[in-house]
Amino acid sequence: ELKNRIKSSAVPNRLKRNARKNKFNDFPVGISGPVSSRVTSAPDSDLHQYHLQVSVPRFGKLPTTKKVYIGTDNTYTDERFDKALIKAQSIRESAVKQYAIEHAADARKAVSSL
């Protein structure tokens, strides 16, 4: 009976669900930015590009970071930022779902071998 309950119940994981209280912005967990970096293709230029960083959890592997481009000093707008934030949230949500699926499969596999 215990095996049946384990197979049908949700498997908890260690991913953060809520942002820390001291986080500087209102972004969801796993998203930070905007981060700026100097455009290196123009060495004499002071042009910067901006992106959001998304923490991508991977079950059984080290997490990775993906960048979502917003724009440069010349092209950055609130609309572009909003679109980048939506894309970043989508990347994070799909990665968390995939992580949960793989984590649950691994946990159930371990239980079934008992």
N, C-alpha and C. Protein backbone atom coordinates (compact mmCIF):
# COMPACT_ATOMS: atom_id res chain seq x y z
N GLU A 1 0.81 -1.19 0.00
CA GLU A 1 0.00 0.00 0.00
C GLU A 1 0.87 1.27 0.00
N LEU A 2 1.98 1.24 0.75
CA LEU A 2 2.87 2.40 0.79
C LEU A 2 3.43 2.71 -0.59
N LYS A 3 3.80 1.68 -1.33
CA LYS A 3 4.32 1.90 -2.69
C LYS A 3 3.27 2.55 -3.59
N ASN A 4 2.02 2.13 -3.45
CA ASN A 4 0.95 2.72 -4.26
C ASN A 4 0.73 4.19 -3.92
N ARG A 5 0.79 4.52 -2.64
CA ARG A 5 0.64 5.93 -2.25
C ARG A 5 1.80 6.76 -2.77
N ILE A 6 3.00 6.23 -2.70
CA ILE A 6 4.17 6.96 -3.19
C ILE A 6 4.08 7.17 -4.70
N LYS A 7 3.62 6.15 -5.41
CA LYS A 7 3.51 6.27 -6.87
C LYS A 7 2.50 7.33 -7.28
N SER A 8 1.43 7.51 -6.49
CA SER A 8 0.37 8.43 -6.88
C SER A 8 0.52 9.83 -6.30
N SER A 9 1.40 10.02 -5.34
CA SER A 9 1.52 11.33 -4.71
C SER A 9 2.62 12.17 -5.37
N ALA A 10 2.53 13.46 -5.13
CA ALA A 10 3.55 14.38 -5.66
C ALA A 10 4.86 14.17 -4.90
N VAL A 11 5.96 14.30 -5.61
CA VAL A 11 7.27 14.13 -5.01
C VAL A 11 7.86 15.52 -4.74
N PRO A 12 8.14 15.83 -3.46
CA PRO A 12 8.71 17.15 -3.17
C PRO A 12 10.13 17.27 -3.70
N ASN A 13 10.51 18.48 -4.10
CA ASN A 13 11.88 18.72 -4.52
C ASN A 13 12.42 19.94 -3.79
N ARG A 14 13.67 20.24 -3.99
CA ARG A 14 14.32 21.31 -3.25
C ARG A 14 14.38 22.64 -3.99
N LEU A 15 13.67 22.77 -5.07
CA LEU A 15 13.69 24.04 -5.80
C LEU A 15 12.96 25.11 -5.00
N LYS A 16 13.50 26.32 -5.08
CA LYS A 16 12.87 27.44 -4.38
C LYS A 16 11.54 27.77 -5.03
N ARG A 17 10.55 28.04 -4.20
CA ARG A 17 9.23 28.41 -4.71
C ARG A 17 8.94 29.89 -4.52
N ASN A 18 9.57 30.50 -3.53
CA ASN A 18 9.33 31.91 -3.22
C ASN A 18 10.66 32.66 -3.20
N ALA A 19 10.59 33.92 -3.58
CA ALA A 19 11.79 34.76 -3.57
C ALA A 19 12.19 35.08 -2.13
N ARG A 20 13.47 35.32 -1.94
CA ARG A 20 13.95 35.71 -0.61
C ARG A 20 13.40 37.09 -0.25
N LYS A 21 13.29 37.34 1.02
CA LYS A 21 12.74 38.62 1.49
C LYS A 21 13.65 39.79 1.12
N ASN A 22 14.95 39.55 1.04
CA ASN A 22 15.88 40.65 0.77
C ASN A 22 16.21 40.80 -0.72
N LYS A 23 15.44 40.17 -1.59
CA LYS A 23 15.66 40.31 -3.03
C LYS A 23 15.36 41.75 -3.43
N PHE A 24 16.21 42.32 -4.29
CA PHE A 24 16.13 43.74 -4.63
C PHE A 24 15.02 44.08 -5.63
N ASN A 25 14.49 43.09 -6.31
CA ASN A 25 13.46 43.39 -7.30
C ASN A 25 12.28 42.43 -7.12
N ASP A 26 11.26 42.63 -7.92
CA ASP A 26 10.05 41.82 -7.81
C ASP A 26 10.01 40.68 -8.82
N PHE A 27 11.14 40.33 -9.39
CA PHE A 27 11.16 39.24 -10.35
C PHE A 27 10.87 37.91 -9.67
N PRO A 28 10.34 36.97 -10.42
CA PRO A 28 10.09 35.65 -9.86
C PRO A 28 11.42 34.96 -9.50
N VAL A 29 11.31 33.89 -8.74
CA VAL A 29 12.48 33.10 -8.36
C VAL A 29 13.19 32.63 -9.63
N GLY A 30 14.52 32.73 -9.64
CA GLY A 30 15.31 32.23 -10.76
C GLY A 30 15.55 33.22 -11.88
N ILE A 31 15.04 34.44 -11.75
CA ILE A 31 15.24 35.45 -12.79
C ILE A 31 15.87 36.68 -12.15
N SER A 32 16.95 37.16 -12.77
CA SER A 32 17.61 38.35 -12.25
C SER A 32 18.00 39.26 -13.40
N GLY A 33 18.29 40.50 -13.05
CA GLY A 33 18.70 41.45 -14.07
C GLY A 33 17.95 42.74 -13.93
N PRO A 34 17.95 43.59 -14.92
CA PRO A 34 18.71 43.44 -16.16
C PRO A 34 20.21 43.61 -15.93
N VAL A 35 20.96 42.77 -16.62
CA VAL A 35 22.41 42.79 -16.54
C VAL A 35 22.94 43.48 -17.79
N SER A 36 23.94 44.33 -17.62
CA SER A 36 24.49 45.01 -18.79
C SER A 36 25.90 44.50 -19.06
N SER A 37 26.25 44.49 -20.32
CA SER A 37 27.62 44.16 -20.72
C SER A 37 27.98 45.02 -21.92
N ARG A 38 29.24 45.35 -22.00
CA ARG A 38 29.71 46.22 -23.09
C ARG A 38 29.74 45.42 -24.38
N VAL A 39 29.31 46.04 -25.46
CA VAL A 39 29.35 45.41 -26.77
C VAL A 39 30.80 45.38 -27.22
N THR A 40 31.33 44.18 -27.41
CA THR A 40 32.76 44.05 -27.71
C THR A 40 33.08 44.17 -29.18
N SER A 41 32.08 44.14 -30.05
CA SER A 41 32.38 44.24 -31.48
C SER A 41 32.81 45.65 -31.87
N ALA A 42 32.56 46.59 -31.02
CA ALA A 42 32.97 47.97 -31.27
C ALA A 42 33.87 48.43 -30.12
N PRO A 43 35.18 48.20 -30.20
CA PRO A 43 36.07 48.47 -29.08
C PRO A 43 36.11 49.94 -28.65
N ASP A 44 35.89 50.85 -29.56
CA ASP A 44 35.91 52.27 -29.21
C ASP A 44 34.56 52.77 -28.71
N SER A 45 33.55 51.94 -28.82
CA SER A 45 32.21 52.35 -28.44
C SER A 45 31.94 52.09 -26.95
N ASP A 46 31.05 52.86 -26.41
CA ASP A 46 30.65 52.67 -25.01
C ASP A 46 29.24 52.07 -24.96
N LEU A 47 28.85 51.39 -26.03
CA LEU A 47 27.52 50.83 -26.15
C LEU A 47 27.38 49.58 -25.28
N HIS A 48 26.27 49.48 -24.56
CA HIS A 48 26.01 48.32 -23.70
C HIS A 48 24.77 47.59 -24.19
N GLN A 49 24.77 46.28 -23.95
CA GLN A 49 23.56 45.51 -24.21
C GLN A 49 23.04 44.98 -22.89
N TYR A 50 21.74 44.73 -22.83
CA TYR A 50 21.09 44.34 -21.59
C TYR A 50 20.34 43.03 -21.78
N HIS A 51 20.37 42.21 -20.74
CA HIS A 51 19.66 40.94 -20.77
C HIS A 51 19.24 40.54 -19.37
N LEU A 52 18.29 39.61 -19.30
CA LEU A 52 17.89 39.00 -18.05
C LEU A 52 18.59 37.66 -17.93
N GLN A 53 18.92 37.26 -16.73
CA GLN A 53 19.53 35.96 -16.50
C GLN A 53 18.49 35.04 -15.89
N VAL A 54 18.41 33.82 -16.42
CA VAL A 54 17.45 32.83 -15.94
C VAL A 54 18.23 31.62 -15.43
N SER A 55 17.99 31.26 -14.18
CA SER A 55 18.58 30.06 -13.61
C SER A 55 17.76 28.86 -14.06
N VAL A 56 18.42 27.92 -14.72
CA VAL A 56 17.73 26.76 -15.28
C VAL A 56 18.17 25.51 -14.51
N PRO A 57 17.27 24.97 -13.66
CA PRO A 57 17.63 23.76 -12.92
C PRO A 57 17.61 22.55 -13.85
N ARG A 58 18.53 21.62 -13.60
CA ARG A 58 18.59 20.39 -14.40
C ARG A 58 18.78 19.24 -13.43
N PHE A 59 17.86 18.31 -13.43
CA PHE A 59 17.93 17.21 -12.48
C PHE A 59 19.13 16.31 -12.77
N GLY A 60 19.90 16.05 -11.73
CA GLY A 60 21.08 15.19 -11.86
C GLY A 60 22.28 15.88 -12.47
N LYS A 61 22.16 17.14 -12.79
CA LYS A 61 23.25 17.90 -13.39
C LYS A 61 23.35 19.24 -12.67
N LEU A 62 24.42 19.94 -12.92
CA LEU A 62 24.55 21.29 -12.37
C LEU A 62 23.56 22.22 -13.07
N PRO A 63 23.00 23.18 -12.35
CA PRO A 63 22.11 24.13 -13.02
C PRO A 63 22.91 25.00 -14.00
N THR A 64 22.22 25.57 -14.93
CA THR A 64 22.86 26.44 -15.90
C THR A 64 22.12 27.78 -15.93
N THR A 65 22.68 28.74 -16.62
CA THR A 65 22.08 30.06 -16.73
C THR A 65 21.85 30.37 -18.20
N LYS A 66 20.67 30.85 -18.51
CA LYS A 66 20.37 31.30 -19.87
C LYS A 66 20.17 32.81 -19.83
N LYS A 67 20.52 33.46 -20.91
CA LYS A 67 20.35 34.91 -21.03
C LYS A 67 19.22 35.19 -22.00
N VAL A 68 18.39 36.15 -21.63
CA VAL A 68 17.31 36.61 -22.52
C VAL A 68 17.61 38.06 -22.87
N TYR A 69 17.87 38.28 -24.13
CA TYR A 69 18.28 39.59 -24.63
C TYR A 69 17.13 40.59 -24.55
N ILE A 70 17.43 41.80 -24.07
CA ILE A 70 16.45 42.88 -24.04
C ILE A 70 16.75 43.89 -25.13
N GLY A 71 17.97 44.42 -25.15
CA GLY A 71 18.33 45.41 -26.15
C GLY A 71 19.62 46.11 -25.78
N THR A 72 19.95 47.14 -26.54
CA THR A 72 21.14 47.94 -26.28
C THR A 72 20.72 49.28 -25.69
N ASP A 73 21.71 50.13 -25.44
CA ASP A 73 21.39 51.49 -24.97
C ASP A 73 20.42 52.19 -25.92
N ASN A 74 20.54 51.89 -27.20
CA ASN A 74 19.73 52.57 -28.22
C ASN A 74 18.36 51.93 -28.42
N THR A 75 18.21 50.66 -28.07
CA THR A 75 16.96 49.96 -28.39
C THR A 75 16.17 49.50 -27.18
N TYR A 76 16.69 49.69 -25.98
CA TYR A 76 16.01 49.25 -24.75
C TYR A 76 14.74 50.06 -24.54
N THR A 77 13.61 49.36 -24.41
CA THR A 77 12.33 50.01 -24.11
C THR A 77 11.60 49.18 -23.06
N ASP A 78 10.60 49.77 -22.45
CA ASP A 78 9.79 49.03 -21.48
C ASP A 78 9.08 47.85 -22.14
N GLU A 79 8.64 48.04 -23.36
CA GLU A 79 7.96 46.96 -24.09
C GLU A 79 8.91 45.79 -24.32
N ARG A 80 10.13 46.08 -24.73
CA ARG A 80 11.12 45.01 -24.95
C ARG A 80 11.46 44.31 -23.64
N PHE A 81 11.53 45.09 -22.57
CA PHE A 81 11.79 44.49 -21.26
C PHE A 81 10.66 43.54 -20.86
N ASP A 82 9.42 43.98 -21.05
CA ASP A 82 8.27 43.14 -20.70
C ASP A 82 8.26 41.84 -21.50
N LYS A 83 8.57 41.93 -22.80
CA LYS A 83 8.64 40.73 -23.64
C LYS A 83 9.75 39.80 -23.17
N ALA A 84 10.89 40.36 -22.81
CA ALA A 84 12.01 39.55 -22.33
C ALA A 84 11.66 38.88 -21.00
N LEU A 85 10.95 39.59 -20.14
CA LEU A 85 10.55 39.02 -18.85
C LEU A 85 9.58 37.86 -19.05
N ILE A 86 8.64 38.01 -19.96
CA ILE A 86 7.69 36.93 -20.26
C ILE A 86 8.44 35.71 -20.79
N LYS A 87 9.40 35.94 -21.68
CA LYS A 87 10.19 34.83 -22.23
C LYS A 87 11.02 34.17 -21.13
N ALA A 88 11.62 34.97 -20.25
CA ALA A 88 12.41 34.43 -19.14
C ALA A 88 11.55 33.58 -18.22
N GLN A 89 10.34 34.05 -17.92
CA GLN A 89 9.43 33.29 -17.07
C GLN A 89 9.05 31.97 -17.73
N SER A 90 8.85 31.99 -19.03
CA SER A 90 8.51 30.78 -19.77
C SER A 90 9.66 29.76 -19.72
N ILE A 91 10.87 30.24 -19.92
CA ILE A 91 12.05 29.37 -19.86
C ILE A 91 12.17 28.74 -18.47
N ARG A 92 12.02 29.56 -17.44
CA ARG A 92 12.14 29.07 -16.06
C ARG A 92 11.04 28.05 -15.74
N GLU A 93 9.79 28.38 -16.10
CA GLU A 93 8.67 27.48 -15.80
C GLU A 93 8.82 26.13 -16.48
N SER A 94 9.23 26.12 -17.74
CA SER A 94 9.38 24.85 -18.45
C SER A 94 10.55 24.05 -17.86
N ALA A 95 11.61 24.73 -17.43
CA ALA A 95 12.73 24.02 -16.82
C ALA A 95 12.34 23.43 -15.47
N VAL A 96 11.55 24.16 -14.69
CA VAL A 96 11.11 23.66 -13.39
C VAL A 96 10.17 22.46 -13.59
N LYS A 97 9.29 22.53 -14.56
CA LYS A 97 8.39 21.40 -14.85
C LYS A 97 9.19 20.16 -15.26
N GLN A 98 10.17 20.36 -16.14
CA GLN A 98 11.00 19.24 -16.57
C GLN A 98 11.77 18.65 -15.40
N TYR A 99 12.30 19.51 -14.55
CA TYR A 99 13.03 19.07 -13.36
C TYR A 99 12.12 18.22 -12.47
N ALA A 100 10.90 18.69 -12.24
CA ALA A 100 9.96 17.98 -11.39
C ALA A 100 9.61 16.61 -11.97
N ILE A 101 9.43 16.54 -13.28
CA ILE A 101 9.11 15.27 -13.93
C ILE A 101 10.27 14.29 -13.76
N GLU A 102 11.48 14.74 -14.03
CA GLU A 102 12.65 13.86 -13.91
C GLU A 102 12.91 13.46 -12.46
N HIS A 103 12.70 14.39 -11.54
CA HIS A 103 12.90 14.10 -10.12
C HIS A 103 11.89 13.06 -9.64
N ALA A 104 10.62 13.23 -10.03
CA ALA A 104 9.57 12.29 -9.63
C ALA A 104 9.83 10.90 -10.21
N ALA A 105 10.24 10.85 -11.47
CA ALA A 105 10.53 9.56 -12.10
C ALA A 105 11.67 8.85 -11.38
N ASP A 106 12.69 9.61 -11.01
CA ASP A 106 13.83 9.03 -10.30
C ASP A 106 13.41 8.52 -8.92
N ALA A 107 12.60 9.31 -8.22
CA ALA A 107 12.14 8.90 -6.87
C ALA A 107 11.26 7.66 -6.94
N ARG A 108 10.39 7.60 -7.93
CA ARG A 108 9.51 6.44 -8.07
C ARG A 108 10.30 5.20 -8.47
N LYS A 109 11.32 5.41 -9.27
CA LYS A 109 12.18 4.29 -9.67
C LYS A 109 12.89 3.72 -8.44
N ALA A 110 13.34 4.60 -7.57
CA ALA A 110 14.02 4.17 -6.35
C ALA A 110 13.08 3.41 -5.44
N VAL A 111 11.82 3.85 -5.36
CA VAL A 111 10.83 3.17 -4.52
C VAL A 111 10.48 1.82 -5.10
N SER A 112 10.35 1.73 -6.40
CA SER A 112 9.95 0.47 -7.02
C SER A 112 11.03 -0.60 -6.89
N SER A 113 12.26 -0.18 -6.68
CA SER A 113 13.35 -1.16 -6.52
C SER A 113 13.43 -1.70 -5.09
N LEU A 114 12.59 -1.18 -4.19
CA LEU A 114 12.59 -1.67 -2.80
C LEU A 114 11.95 -3.04 -2.68
